[in-house]
Amino acid sequence: MRNNGKRRYSLFITISIFVILLSTITIIFIILDGKSEIGKREQIDYGIVKKINPLVIEKANIEENKMSSNIELVEEIKRVYGIDVVYGDGTEYITKTINAKTIYEPKEINLMLIELINCLELYPNNILKEIQIRDYNVEICLVNYFLNNNIALATRDSNNNFKIYLSNTEKIEKVKHSVHHEMYHILEYYMKLEFDITQLYNDWEKVNPQHFSYISNLALLDSKYVYGYEQGEGAYFVTIYSKSSDKEDRAEVFADTMTAVSEPSYYTDKLGAIKDKMQLLINVLRDSFQSVKYGANITWEKYLLE
């Protein structure tokens, strides 16, 4: 009877060891498979440049009610850039949380989508996909207008979902500037989470006027050191709003370069440090994004690159 007990005990030990080994092997395979999937997910062919289907744009121009062409434009933006665009029914709660009114008019939405595409086409094809393969969702929400007269807004929530909110305005130049301003915020959100960009912040302070401090209260901002108002003080900021914070300063410099149709004179007249600021942005974007590092004809580099 004792020998039978020992045999049963030995068999139990053997089975237990086998189960543990099998479980360990299974876990290892799961981990390796997960890493493999991540590796697959992070493979972007930078040689492939997708473009918006011109037939979709053509349909958007000729369709009367614009509803189906709007759907196709959104699908094209998702296919080419990997981002979601939402508007109208279903976004009421979202717009309420940002103090904005929902947009419903298909023709107005259509114009906003076309202008958004015009702006997105100025970016490296895969730059937003680089963000999304790291599991950061990027979404653009179209709104009718902000109750506080804002034009656009960028946010990052606790789950690192990035959102841009764009309002409906007939002032096309303001729309373009706002898109690029908020896009820079999205790019910096990502860089701050994935890379150490402390050097950018340190260097940014160094190219500001001596003893200068940003002021968050917009009512207290003045035009000193602003290009076009500098009066011999030197041009360090492209707009008065740039002086509200360092992150808004960077977004304004970036947007100003993106919307410029000729080389800004502050790059050539040596009035201040705006050119130096843009060079800092060029450097950090090249260091952070593969699509920029290996890309050509990057829009924000069109006037300078060391």
C-alpha atoms as a PDB file:
ATOM      1  CA  MET A   1       0.000   0.000   0.000  1.00  0.00           C
ATOM      2  CA  ARG A   2       2.875   2.388   0.786  1.00  0.00           C
ATOM      3  CA  ASN A   3       4.467   1.737  -2.613  1.00  0.00           C
ATOM      4  CA  ASN A   4       1.165   2.513  -4.367  1.00  0.00           C
ATOM      5  CA  GLY A   5       0.961   5.757  -2.417  1.00  0.00           C
ATOM      6  CA  LYS A   6       4.497   6.687  -3.447  1.00  0.00           C
ATOM      7  CA  ARG A   7       3.716   5.897  -7.062  1.00  0.00           C
ATOM      8  CA  ARG A   8       0.586   8.034  -6.952  1.00  0.00           C
ATOM      9  CA  TYR A   9       2.545  10.847  -5.308  1.00  0.00           C
ATOM     10  CA  SER A  10       5.312  10.555  -7.915  1.00  0.00           C
ATOM     11  CA  LEU A  11       2.752  10.572 -10.714  1.00  0.00           C
ATOM     12  CA  PHE A  12       1.121  13.689  -9.229  1.00  0.00           C
ATOM     13  CA  ILE A  13       4.492  15.464  -9.102  1.00  0.00           C
ATOM     14  CA  THR A  14       5.271  14.466 -12.691  1.00  0.00           C
ATOM     15  CA  ILE A  15       1.906  15.725 -13.949  1.00  0.00           C
ATOM     16  CA  SER A  16       2.279  18.982 -11.990  1.00  0.00           C
ATOM     17  CA  ILE A  17       5.731  19.627 -13.453  1.00  0.00           C
ATOM     18  CA  PHE A  18       4.415  18.862 -16.946  1.00  0.00           C
ATOM     19  CA  VAL A  19       1.503  21.309 -16.498  1.00  0.00           C
ATOM     20  CA  ILE A  20       3.849  24.012 -15.211  1.00  0.00           C
ATOM     21  CA  LEU A  21       6.233  23.501 -18.135  1.00  0.00           C
ATOM     22  CA  LEU A  22       3.364  23.512 -20.630  1.00  0.00           C
ATOM     23  CA  SER A  23       1.949  26.707 -19.099  1.00  0.00           C
ATOM     24  CA  THR A  24       5.366  28.373 -19.177  1.00  0.00           C
ATOM     25  CA  ILE A  25       5.902  27.449 -22.823  1.00  0.00           C
ATOM     26  CA  THR A  26       2.416  28.715 -23.692  1.00  0.00           C
ATOM     27  CA  ILE A  27       3.075  32.041 -21.958  1.00  0.00           C
ATOM     28  CA  ILE A  28       6.406  32.418 -23.765  1.00  0.00           C
ATOM     29  CA  PHE A  29       4.707  31.800 -27.119  1.00  0.00           C
ATOM     30  CA  ILE A  30       2.005  34.341 -26.294  1.00  0.00           C
ATOM     31  CA  ILE A  31       4.625  36.949 -25.397  1.00  0.00           C
ATOM     32  CA  LEU A  32       6.659  36.253 -28.513  1.00  0.00           C
ATOM     33  CA  ASP A  33       3.561  36.315 -30.664  1.00  0.00           C
ATOM     34  CA  GLY A  34       2.547  39.622 -29.090  1.00  0.00           C
ATOM     35  CA  LYS A  35       5.945  41.090 -29.825  1.00  0.00           C
ATOM     36  CA  SER A  36       5.695  39.758 -33.335  1.00  0.00           C
ATOM     37  CA  GLU A  37       2.340  41.459 -33.802  1.00  0.00           C
ATOM     38  CA  ILE A  38       3.763  44.725 -32.467  1.00  0.00           C
ATOM     39  CA  GLY A  39       6.621  44.394 -34.875  1.00  0.00           C
ATOM     40  CA  LYS A  40       4.205  43.856 -37.732  1.00  0.00           C
ATOM     41  CA  ARG A  41       2.108  46.781 -36.575  1.00  0.00           C
ATOM     42  CA  GLU A  42       5.098  49.085 -36.506  1.00  0.00           C
ATOM     43  CA  GLN A  43       6.206  48.303 -40.037  1.00  0.00           C
ATOM     44  CA  ILE A  44       5.425  51.297 -42.248  1.00  0.00           C
ATOM     45  CA  ASP A  45       6.534  51.351 -45.845  1.00  0.00           C
ATOM     46  CA  TYR A  46       7.770  54.912 -46.168  1.00  0.00           C
ATOM     47  CA  GLY A  47       8.175  54.409 -49.884  1.00  0.00           C
ATOM     48  CA  ILE A  48       4.414  54.165 -50.333  1.00  0.00           C
ATOM     49  CA  VAL A  49       2.729  57.540 -50.560  1.00  0.00           C
ATOM     50  CA  LYS A  50      -1.037  57.344 -50.602  1.00  0.00           C
ATOM     51  CA  LYS A  51      -3.112  60.157 -52.041  1.00  0.00           C
ATOM     52  CA  ILE A  52      -6.742  61.142 -51.763  1.00  0.00           C
ATOM     53  CA  ASN A  53      -8.668  59.703 -54.691  1.00  0.00           C
ATOM     54  CA  PRO A  54      -9.329  62.669 -57.035  1.00  0.00           C
ATOM     55  CA  LEU A  55     -12.619  61.086 -58.110  1.00  0.00           C
ATOM     56  CA  VAL A  56     -13.880  61.463 -54.539  1.00  0.00           C
ATOM     57  CA  ILE A  57     -12.973  65.153 -54.610  1.00  0.00           C
ATOM     58  CA  GLU A  58     -14.658  65.498 -57.999  1.00  0.00           C
ATOM     59  CA  LYS A  59     -17.828  63.919 -56.663  1.00  0.00           C
ATOM     60  CA  ALA A  60     -17.738  66.229 -53.651  1.00  0.00           C
ATOM     61  CA  ASN A  61     -17.630  69.204 -56.000  1.00  0.00           C
ATOM     62  CA  ILE A  62     -20.563  68.173 -58.171  1.00  0.00           C
ATOM     63  CA  GLU A  63     -22.886  66.345 -55.770  1.00  0.00           C
ATOM     64  CA  GLU A  64     -25.886  68.459 -54.871  1.00  0.00           C
ATOM     65  CA  ASN A  65     -26.700  67.486 -51.285  1.00  0.00           C
ATOM     66  CA  LYS A  66     -23.092  66.490 -50.358  1.00  0.00           C
ATOM     67  CA  MET A  67     -24.146  63.832 -47.846  1.00  0.00           C
ATOM     68  CA  SER A  68     -22.737  60.738 -49.551  1.00  0.00           C
ATOM     69  CA  SER A  69     -19.628  62.562 -50.769  1.00  0.00           C
ATOM     70  CA  ASN A  70     -18.950  63.672 -47.184  1.00  0.00           C
ATOM     71  CA  ILE A  71     -18.973  60.041 -46.097  1.00  0.00           C
ATOM     72  CA  GLU A  72     -16.561  59.157 -48.891  1.00  0.00           C
ATOM     73  CA  LEU A  73     -14.250  62.062 -48.006  1.00  0.00           C
ATOM     74  CA  VAL A  74     -14.099  60.871 -44.405  1.00  0.00           C
ATOM     75  CA  GLU A  75     -13.338  57.335 -45.588  1.00  0.00           C
ATOM     76  CA  GLU A  76     -10.549  58.652 -47.816  1.00  0.00           C
ATOM     77  CA  ILE A  77      -9.009  60.646 -44.953  1.00  0.00           C
ATOM     78  CA  LYS A  78      -9.063  57.478 -42.857  1.00  0.00           C
ATOM     79  CA  ARG A  79      -7.529  55.388 -45.655  1.00  0.00           C
ATOM     80  CA  VAL A  80      -4.734  57.820 -46.469  1.00  0.00           C
ATOM     81  CA  TYR A  81      -3.914  59.362 -43.088  1.00  0.00           C
ATOM     82  CA  GLY A  82      -5.341  56.837 -40.648  1.00  0.00           C
ATOM     83  CA  ILE A  83      -7.374  59.391 -38.706  1.00  0.00           C
ATOM     84  CA  ASP A  84     -11.073  59.560 -37.914  1.00  0.00           C
ATOM     85  CA  VAL A  85     -13.146  62.640 -38.699  1.00  0.00           C
ATOM     86  CA  VAL A  86     -16.505  63.001 -36.951  1.00  0.00           C
ATOM     87  CA  TYR A  87     -19.293  65.575 -37.193  1.00  0.00           C
ATOM     88  CA  GLY A  88     -23.040  66.024 -36.903  1.00  0.00           C
ATOM     89  CA  ASP A  89     -25.345  63.446 -35.321  1.00  0.00           C
ATOM     90  CA  GLY A  90     -23.622  61.576 -32.528  1.00  0.00           C
ATOM     91  CA  THR A  91     -21.167  64.359 -31.667  1.00  0.00           C
ATOM     92  CA  GLU A  92     -23.563  66.450 -29.572  1.00  0.00           C
ATOM     93  CA  TYR A  93     -22.082  65.315 -26.261  1.00  0.00           C
ATOM     94  CA  ILE A  94     -18.550  65.928 -27.515  1.00  0.00           C
ATOM     95  CA  THR A  95     -19.306  69.467 -28.688  1.00  0.00           C
ATOM     96  CA  LYS A  96     -21.090  70.266 -25.445  1.00  0.00           C
ATOM     97  CA  THR A  97     -18.037  69.321 -23.383  1.00  0.00           C
ATOM     98  CA  ILE A  98     -15.871  71.824 -25.310  1.00  0.00           C
ATOM     99  CA  ASN A  99     -18.447  74.621 -25.238  1.00  0.00           C
ATOM    100  CA  ALA A 100     -19.248  74.401 -28.944  1.00  0.00           C
ATOM    101  CA  LYS A 101     -22.259  73.926 -31.201  1.00  0.00           C
ATOM    102  CA  THR A 102     -22.675  70.833 -33.383  1.00  0.00           C
ATOM    103  CA  ILE A 103     -22.548  71.232 -37.150  1.00  0.00           C
ATOM    104  CA  TYR A 104     -25.192  69.523 -39.303  1.00  0.00           C
ATOM    105  CA  GLU A 105     -25.329  71.323 -42.666  1.00  0.00           C
ATOM    106  CA  PRO A 106     -23.852  68.899 -45.281  1.00  0.00           C
ATOM    107  CA  LYS A 107     -22.646  71.624 -47.658  1.00  0.00           C
ATOM    108  CA  GLU A 108     -20.755  73.425 -44.909  1.00  0.00           C
ATOM    109  CA  ILE A 109     -19.290  70.152 -43.676  1.00  0.00           C
ATOM    110  CA  ASN A 110     -18.221  69.406 -47.245  1.00  0.00           C
ATOM    111  CA  LEU A 111     -16.274  72.658 -47.509  1.00  0.00           C
ATOM    112  CA  MET A 112     -14.596  71.967 -44.168  1.00  0.00           C
ATOM    113  CA  LEU A 113     -13.563  68.468 -45.262  1.00  0.00           C
ATOM    114  CA  ILE A 114     -12.096  69.745 -48.537  1.00  0.00           C
ATOM    115  CA  GLU A 115     -10.087  72.410 -46.722  1.00  0.00           C
ATOM    116  CA  LEU A 116      -8.944  69.867 -44.134  1.00  0.00           C
ATOM    117  CA  ILE A 117      -7.666  67.612 -46.918  1.00  0.00           C
ATOM    118  CA  ASN A 118      -5.812  70.551 -48.481  1.00  0.00           C
ATOM    119  CA  CYS A 119      -4.035  71.052 -45.157  1.00  0.00           C
ATOM    120  CA  LEU A 120      -3.318  67.362 -44.503  1.00  0.00           C
ATOM    121  CA  GLU A 121      -1.725  66.989 -47.932  1.00  0.00           C
ATOM    122  CA  LEU A 122       1.098  69.261 -46.748  1.00  0.00           C
ATOM    123  CA  TYR A 123       2.232  66.662 -44.176  1.00  0.00           C
ATOM    124  CA  PRO A 124       4.419  63.595 -44.694  1.00  0.00           C
ATOM    125  CA  ASN A 125       2.040  60.830 -45.692  1.00  0.00           C
ATOM    126  CA  ASN A 126       2.780  58.545 -42.732  1.00  0.00           C
ATOM    127  CA  ILE A 127       3.420  60.999 -39.908  1.00  0.00           C
ATOM    128  CA  LEU A 128       0.043  60.494 -38.234  1.00  0.00           C
ATOM    129  CA  LYS A 129       0.252  56.741 -38.735  1.00  0.00           C
ATOM    130  CA  GLU A 130       3.526  56.770 -36.777  1.00  0.00           C
ATOM    131  CA  ILE A 131       1.558  58.168 -33.863  1.00  0.00           C
ATOM    132  CA  GLN A 132      -1.248  55.649 -34.195  1.00  0.00           C
ATOM    133  CA  ILE A 133       0.956  52.554 -34.332  1.00  0.00           C
ATOM    134  CA  ARG A 134       2.045  53.510 -30.810  1.00  0.00           C
ATOM    135  CA  ASP A 135      -1.623  53.175 -29.795  1.00  0.00           C
ATOM    136  CA  TYR A 136      -2.420  56.878 -29.657  1.00  0.00           C
ATOM    137  CA  ASN A 137      -5.740  57.571 -31.346  1.00  0.00           C
ATOM    138  CA  VAL A 138      -6.009  60.753 -33.431  1.00  0.00           C
ATOM    139  CA  GLU A 139      -9.450  62.157 -34.187  1.00  0.00           C
ATOM    140  CA  ILE A 140     -10.728  65.375 -35.732  1.00  0.00           C
ATOM    141  CA  CYS A 141     -14.146  66.686 -34.759  1.00  0.00           C
ATOM    142  CA  LEU A 142     -15.856  69.323 -36.900  1.00  0.00           C
ATOM    143  CA  VAL A 143     -18.046  71.793 -35.008  1.00  0.00           C
ATOM    144  CA  ASN A 144     -20.207  74.695 -36.104  1.00  0.00           C
ATOM    145  CA  TYR A 145     -18.708  77.283 -33.775  1.00  0.00           C
ATOM    146  CA  PHE A 146     -17.293  77.737 -30.288  1.00  0.00           C
ATOM    147  CA  LEU A 147     -19.350  79.735 -27.809  1.00  0.00           C
ATOM    148  CA  ASN A 148     -16.163  81.461 -26.640  1.00  0.00           C
ATOM    149  CA  ASN A 149     -15.279  82.573 -30.215  1.00  0.00           C
ATOM    150  CA  ASN A 150     -12.407  80.116 -30.417  1.00  0.00           C
ATOM    151  CA  ILE A 151     -11.538  78.790 -33.890  1.00  0.00           C
ATOM    152  CA  ALA A 152      -9.889  75.472 -33.059  1.00  0.00           C
ATOM    153  CA  LEU A 153      -8.736  73.372 -30.128  1.00  0.00           C
ATOM    154  CA  ALA A 154      -6.424  70.411 -29.505  1.00  0.00           C
ATOM    155  CA  THR A 155      -6.745  68.095 -26.505  1.00  0.00           C
ATOM    156  CA  ARG A 156      -5.117  65.013 -24.999  1.00  0.00           C
ATOM    157  CA  ASP A 157      -7.149  62.989 -22.510  1.00  0.00           C
ATOM    158  CA  SER A 158      -5.998  60.658 -19.723  1.00  0.00           C
ATOM    159  CA  ASN A 159      -5.980  57.718 -22.160  1.00  0.00           C
ATOM    160  CA  ASN A 160      -3.750  59.669 -24.557  1.00  0.00           C
ATOM    161  CA  ASN A 161      -6.424  60.098 -27.186  1.00  0.00           C
ATOM    162  CA  PHE A 162      -5.549  63.133 -29.283  1.00  0.00           C
ATOM    163  CA  LYS A 163      -8.366  65.277 -30.667  1.00  0.00           C
ATOM    164  CA  ILE A 164      -8.537  68.375 -32.843  1.00  0.00           C
ATOM    165  CA  TYR A 165     -11.741  70.403 -32.892  1.00  0.00           C
ATOM    166  CA  LEU A 166     -12.230  72.670 -35.918  1.00  0.00           C
ATOM    167  CA  SER A 167     -14.949  75.285 -36.220  1.00  0.00           C
ATOM    168  CA  ASN A 168     -16.785  76.363 -39.340  1.00  0.00           C
ATOM    169  CA  THR A 169     -15.552  79.735 -40.606  1.00  0.00           C
ATOM    170  CA  GLU A 170     -15.472  81.425 -44.000  1.00  0.00           C
ATOM    171  CA  LYS A 171     -12.044  82.911 -43.257  1.00  0.00           C
ATOM    172  CA  ILE A 172      -9.984  80.278 -45.082  1.00  0.00           C
ATOM    173  CA  GLU A 173      -6.614  81.654 -44.006  1.00  0.00           C
ATOM    174  CA  LYS A 174      -7.657  81.389 -40.361  1.00  0.00           C
ATOM    175  CA  VAL A 175      -8.821  77.820 -40.963  1.00  0.00           C
ATOM    176  CA  LYS A 176      -5.465  76.859 -42.459  1.00  0.00           C
ATOM    177  CA  HIS A 177      -3.512  78.524 -39.668  1.00  0.00           C
ATOM    178  CA  SER A 178      -5.693  76.850 -37.034  1.00  0.00           C
ATOM    179  CA  VAL A 179      -5.327  73.371 -38.548  1.00  0.00           C
ATOM    180  CA  HIS A 180      -1.530  73.625 -38.594  1.00  0.00           C
ATOM    181  CA  HIS A 181      -1.403  75.222 -35.144  1.00  0.00           C
ATOM    182  CA  GLU A 182      -3.423  72.372 -33.614  1.00  0.00           C
ATOM    183  CA  MET A 183      -1.561  69.756 -35.647  1.00  0.00           C
ATOM    184  CA  TYR A 184       1.683  70.908 -34.074  1.00  0.00           C
ATOM    185  CA  HIS A 185       0.127  70.447 -30.627  1.00  0.00           C
ATOM    186  CA  ILE A 186      -0.715  66.849 -31.595  1.00  0.00           C
ATOM    187  CA  LEU A 187       2.830  66.221 -32.833  1.00  0.00           C
ATOM    188  CA  GLU A 188       4.297  67.632 -29.614  1.00  0.00           C
ATOM    189  CA  TYR A 189       1.896  65.631 -27.415  1.00  0.00           C
ATOM    190  CA  TYR A 190       3.271  62.531 -29.075  1.00  0.00           C
ATOM    191  CA  MET A 191       6.925  63.573 -28.910  1.00  0.00           C
ATOM    192  CA  LYS A 192       6.637  64.461 -25.237  1.00  0.00           C
ATOM    193  CA  LEU A 193       5.184  61.020 -24.431  1.00  0.00           C
ATOM    194  CA  GLU A 194       7.572  58.962 -26.555  1.00  0.00           C
ATOM    195  CA  PHE A 195      10.855  60.881 -26.453  1.00  0.00           C
ATOM    196  CA  ASP A 196      12.910  63.049 -24.172  1.00  0.00           C
ATOM    197  CA  ILE A 197      12.503  66.516 -25.699  1.00  0.00           C
ATOM    198  CA  THR A 198      13.741  68.409 -22.656  1.00  0.00           C
ATOM    199  CA  GLN A 199      16.493  69.889 -24.803  1.00  0.00           C
ATOM    200  CA  LEU A 200      13.886  71.546 -27.008  1.00  0.00           C
ATOM    201  CA  TYR A 201      12.346  73.261 -23.989  1.00  0.00           C
ATOM    202  CA  ASN A 202      15.737  74.361 -22.677  1.00  0.00           C
ATOM    203  CA  ASP A 203      16.889  75.671 -26.041  1.00  0.00           C
ATOM    204  CA  TRP A 204      13.581  77.451 -26.578  1.00  0.00           C
ATOM    205  CA  GLU A 205      14.065  79.526 -23.465  1.00  0.00           C
ATOM    206  CA  LYS A 206      17.548  80.480 -24.618  1.00  0.00           C
ATOM    207  CA  VAL A 207      16.312  82.076 -27.852  1.00  0.00           C
ATOM    208  CA  ASN A 208      13.740  84.264 -26.120  1.00  0.00           C
ATOM    209  CA  PRO A 209      14.558  87.842 -25.068  1.00  0.00           C
ATOM    210  CA  GLN A 210      16.527  88.104 -21.856  1.00  0.00           C
ATOM    211  CA  HIS A 211      14.301  88.160 -18.757  1.00  0.00           C
ATOM    212  CA  PHE A 212      11.190  87.433 -20.862  1.00  0.00           C
ATOM    213  CA  SER A 213       8.325  85.452 -19.284  1.00  0.00           C
ATOM    214  CA  TYR A 214       5.207  84.079 -20.953  1.00  0.00           C
ATOM    215  CA  ILE A 215       1.874  85.465 -19.674  1.00  0.00           C
ATOM    216  CA  SER A 216      -1.194  83.204 -19.717  1.00  0.00           C
ATOM    217  CA  ASN A 217      -3.614  86.118 -19.189  1.00  0.00           C
ATOM    218  CA  LEU A 218      -4.294  87.155 -22.790  1.00  0.00           C
ATOM    219  CA  ALA A 219      -5.551  90.590 -21.701  1.00  0.00           C
ATOM    220  CA  LEU A 220      -2.067  91.446 -20.422  1.00  0.00           C
ATOM    221  CA  LEU A 221      -0.196  90.573 -23.626  1.00  0.00           C
ATOM    222  CA  ASP A 222       1.438  93.344 -25.629  1.00  0.00           C
ATOM    223  CA  SER A 223       3.167  93.633 -29.006  1.00  0.00           C
ATOM    224  CA  LYS A 224       6.730  94.012 -27.742  1.00  0.00           C
ATOM    225  CA  TYR A 225       9.117  91.636 -29.574  1.00  0.00           C
ATOM    226  CA  VAL A 226       6.333  90.637 -32.014  1.00  0.00           C
ATOM    227  CA  TYR A 227       7.226  90.681 -35.700  1.00  0.00           C
ATOM    228  CA  GLY A 228       5.683  93.730 -37.371  1.00  0.00           C
ATOM    229  CA  TYR A 229       5.529  95.607 -34.062  1.00  0.00           C
ATOM    230  CA  GLU A 230       9.138  95.182 -32.947  1.00  0.00           C
ATOM    231  CA  GLN A 231      10.205  98.868 -33.206  1.00  0.00           C
ATOM    232  CA  GLY A 232      13.853  98.006 -32.866  1.00  0.00           C
ATOM    233  CA  GLU A 233      13.350  95.524 -30.029  1.00  0.00           C
ATOM    234  CA  GLY A 234      13.908  92.512 -32.280  1.00  0.00           C
ATOM    235  CA  ALA A 235      11.373  89.985 -33.579  1.00  0.00           C
ATOM    236  CA  TYR A 236      11.052  86.900 -31.373  1.00  0.00           C
ATOM    237  CA  PHE A 237       7.354  86.059 -31.834  1.00  0.00           C
ATOM    238  CA  VAL A 238       5.159  85.742 -34.928  1.00  0.00           C
ATOM    239  CA  THR A 239       1.959  86.839 -33.149  1.00  0.00           C
ATOM    240  CA  ILE A 240       0.958  88.470 -29.884  1.00  0.00           C
ATOM    241  CA  TYR A 241      -0.749  85.202 -28.897  1.00  0.00           C
ATOM    242  CA  SER A 242       2.655  83.476 -29.148  1.00  0.00           C
ATOM    243  CA  LYS A 243       3.610  85.211 -25.921  1.00  0.00           C
ATOM    244  CA  SER A 244       0.958  83.350 -23.891  1.00  0.00           C
ATOM    245  CA  SER A 245       3.022  80.156 -23.394  1.00  0.00           C
ATOM    246  CA  ASP A 246       5.980  78.299 -24.860  1.00  0.00           C
ATOM    247  CA  LYS A 247       3.762  75.588 -26.376  1.00  0.00           C
ATOM    248  CA  GLU A 248       1.540  78.193 -28.070  1.00  0.00           C
ATOM    249  CA  ASP A 249       4.665  79.977 -29.251  1.00  0.00           C
ATOM    250  CA  ARG A 250       5.930  76.794 -30.930  1.00  0.00           C
ATOM    251  CA  ALA A 251       2.530  76.090 -32.501  1.00  0.00           C
ATOM    252  CA  GLU A 252       2.325  79.638 -33.871  1.00  0.00           C
ATOM    253  CA  VAL A 253       5.824  79.521 -35.379  1.00  0.00           C
ATOM    254  CA  PHE A 254       5.010  76.172 -36.967  1.00  0.00           C
ATOM    255  CA  ALA A 255       1.633  77.308 -38.345  1.00  0.00           C
ATOM    256  CA  ASP A 256       3.090  80.525 -39.704  1.00  0.00           C
ATOM    257  CA  THR A 257       5.704  78.602 -41.671  1.00  0.00           C
ATOM    258  CA  MET A 258       3.142  76.082 -42.928  1.00  0.00           C
ATOM    259  CA  THR A 259       0.858  78.804 -44.279  1.00  0.00           C
ATOM    260  CA  ALA A 260       3.561  81.074 -45.716  1.00  0.00           C
ATOM    261  CA  VAL A 261       3.431  81.360 -49.525  1.00  0.00           C
ATOM    262  CA  SER A 262       6.865  82.988 -49.705  1.00  0.00           C
ATOM    263  CA  GLU A 263       9.886  83.071 -47.428  1.00  0.00           C
ATOM    264  CA  PRO A 264       9.039  85.149 -44.341  1.00  0.00           C
ATOM    265  CA  SER A 265      11.295  88.170 -44.036  1.00  0.00           C
ATOM    266  CA  TYR A 266      12.009  87.320 -40.408  1.00  0.00           C
ATOM    267  CA  TYR A 267      14.068  84.418 -41.744  1.00  0.00           C
ATOM    268  CA  THR A 268      16.340  86.778 -43.646  1.00  0.00           C
ATOM    269  CA  ASP A 269      16.376  90.202 -41.983  1.00  0.00           C
ATOM    270  CA  LYS A 270      18.055  89.019 -38.762  1.00  0.00           C
ATOM    271  CA  LEU A 271      15.640  90.941 -36.560  1.00  0.00           C
ATOM    272  CA  GLY A 272      15.417  88.320 -33.848  1.00  0.00           C
ATOM    273  CA  ALA A 273      15.175  84.613 -33.168  1.00  0.00           C
ATOM    274  CA  ILE A 274      12.088  83.351 -35.039  1.00  0.00           C
ATOM    275  CA  LYS A 275      14.305  81.590 -37.563  1.00  0.00           C
ATOM    276  CA  ASP A 276      16.222  79.952 -34.707  1.00  0.00           C
ATOM    277  CA  LYS A 277      12.948  78.791 -33.175  1.00  0.00           C
ATOM    278  CA  MET A 278      11.804  77.196 -36.416  1.00  0.00           C
ATOM    279  CA  GLN A 279      15.159  75.458 -36.750  1.00  0.00           C
ATOM    280  CA  LEU A 280      14.657  73.945 -33.289  1.00  0.00           C
ATOM    281  CA  LEU A 281      11.289  72.562 -34.413  1.00  0.00           C
ATOM    282  CA  ILE A 282      12.788  71.174 -37.615  1.00  0.00           C
ATOM    283  CA  ASN A 283      15.465  69.378 -35.608  1.00  0.00           C
ATOM    284  CA  VAL A 284      13.147  67.797 -33.036  1.00  0.00           C
ATOM    285  CA  LEU A 285      10.631  66.688 -35.677  1.00  0.00           C
ATOM    286  CA  ARG A 286      13.384  65.061 -37.728  1.00  0.00           C
ATOM    287  CA  ASP A 287      14.709  63.292 -34.652  1.00  0.00           C
ATOM    288  CA  SER A 288      11.243  62.014 -33.655  1.00  0.00           C
ATOM    289  CA  PHE A 289       9.503  60.959 -36.873  1.00  0.00           C
ATOM    290  CA  GLN A 290      10.841  58.445 -39.379  1.00  0.00           C
ATOM    291  CA  SER A 291       8.561  59.826 -42.090  1.00  0.00           C
ATOM    292  CA  VAL A 292      10.264  63.199 -41.656  1.00  0.00           C
ATOM    293  CA  LYS A 293      13.779  61.854 -41.267  1.00  0.00           C
ATOM    294  CA  TYR A 294      13.601  59.895 -44.516  1.00  0.00           C
ATOM    295  CA  GLY A 295      11.129  62.150 -46.275  1.00  0.00           C
ATOM    296  CA  ALA A 296      11.724  64.765 -48.948  1.00  0.00           C
ATOM    297  CA  ASN A 297      10.150  68.159 -49.577  1.00  0.00           C
ATOM    298  CA  ILE A 298       8.907  68.521 -45.997  1.00  0.00           C
ATOM    299  CA  THR A 299       6.678  71.599 -46.038  1.00  0.00           C
ATOM    300  CA  TRP A 300       7.900  73.184 -42.813  1.00  0.00           C
ATOM    301  CA  GLU A 301      11.506  72.846 -43.996  1.00  0.00           C
ATOM    302  CA  LYS A 302      10.871  74.703 -47.242  1.00  0.00           C
ATOM    303  CA  TYR A 303      12.692  77.871 -46.205  1.00  0.00           C
ATOM    304  CA  LEU A 304      15.492  76.589 -44.021  1.00  0.00           C
ATOM    305  CA  LEU A 305      17.285  73.421 -43.014  1.00  0.00           C
ATOM    306  CA  GLU A 306      20.737  73.168 -41.547  1.00  0.00           C
END
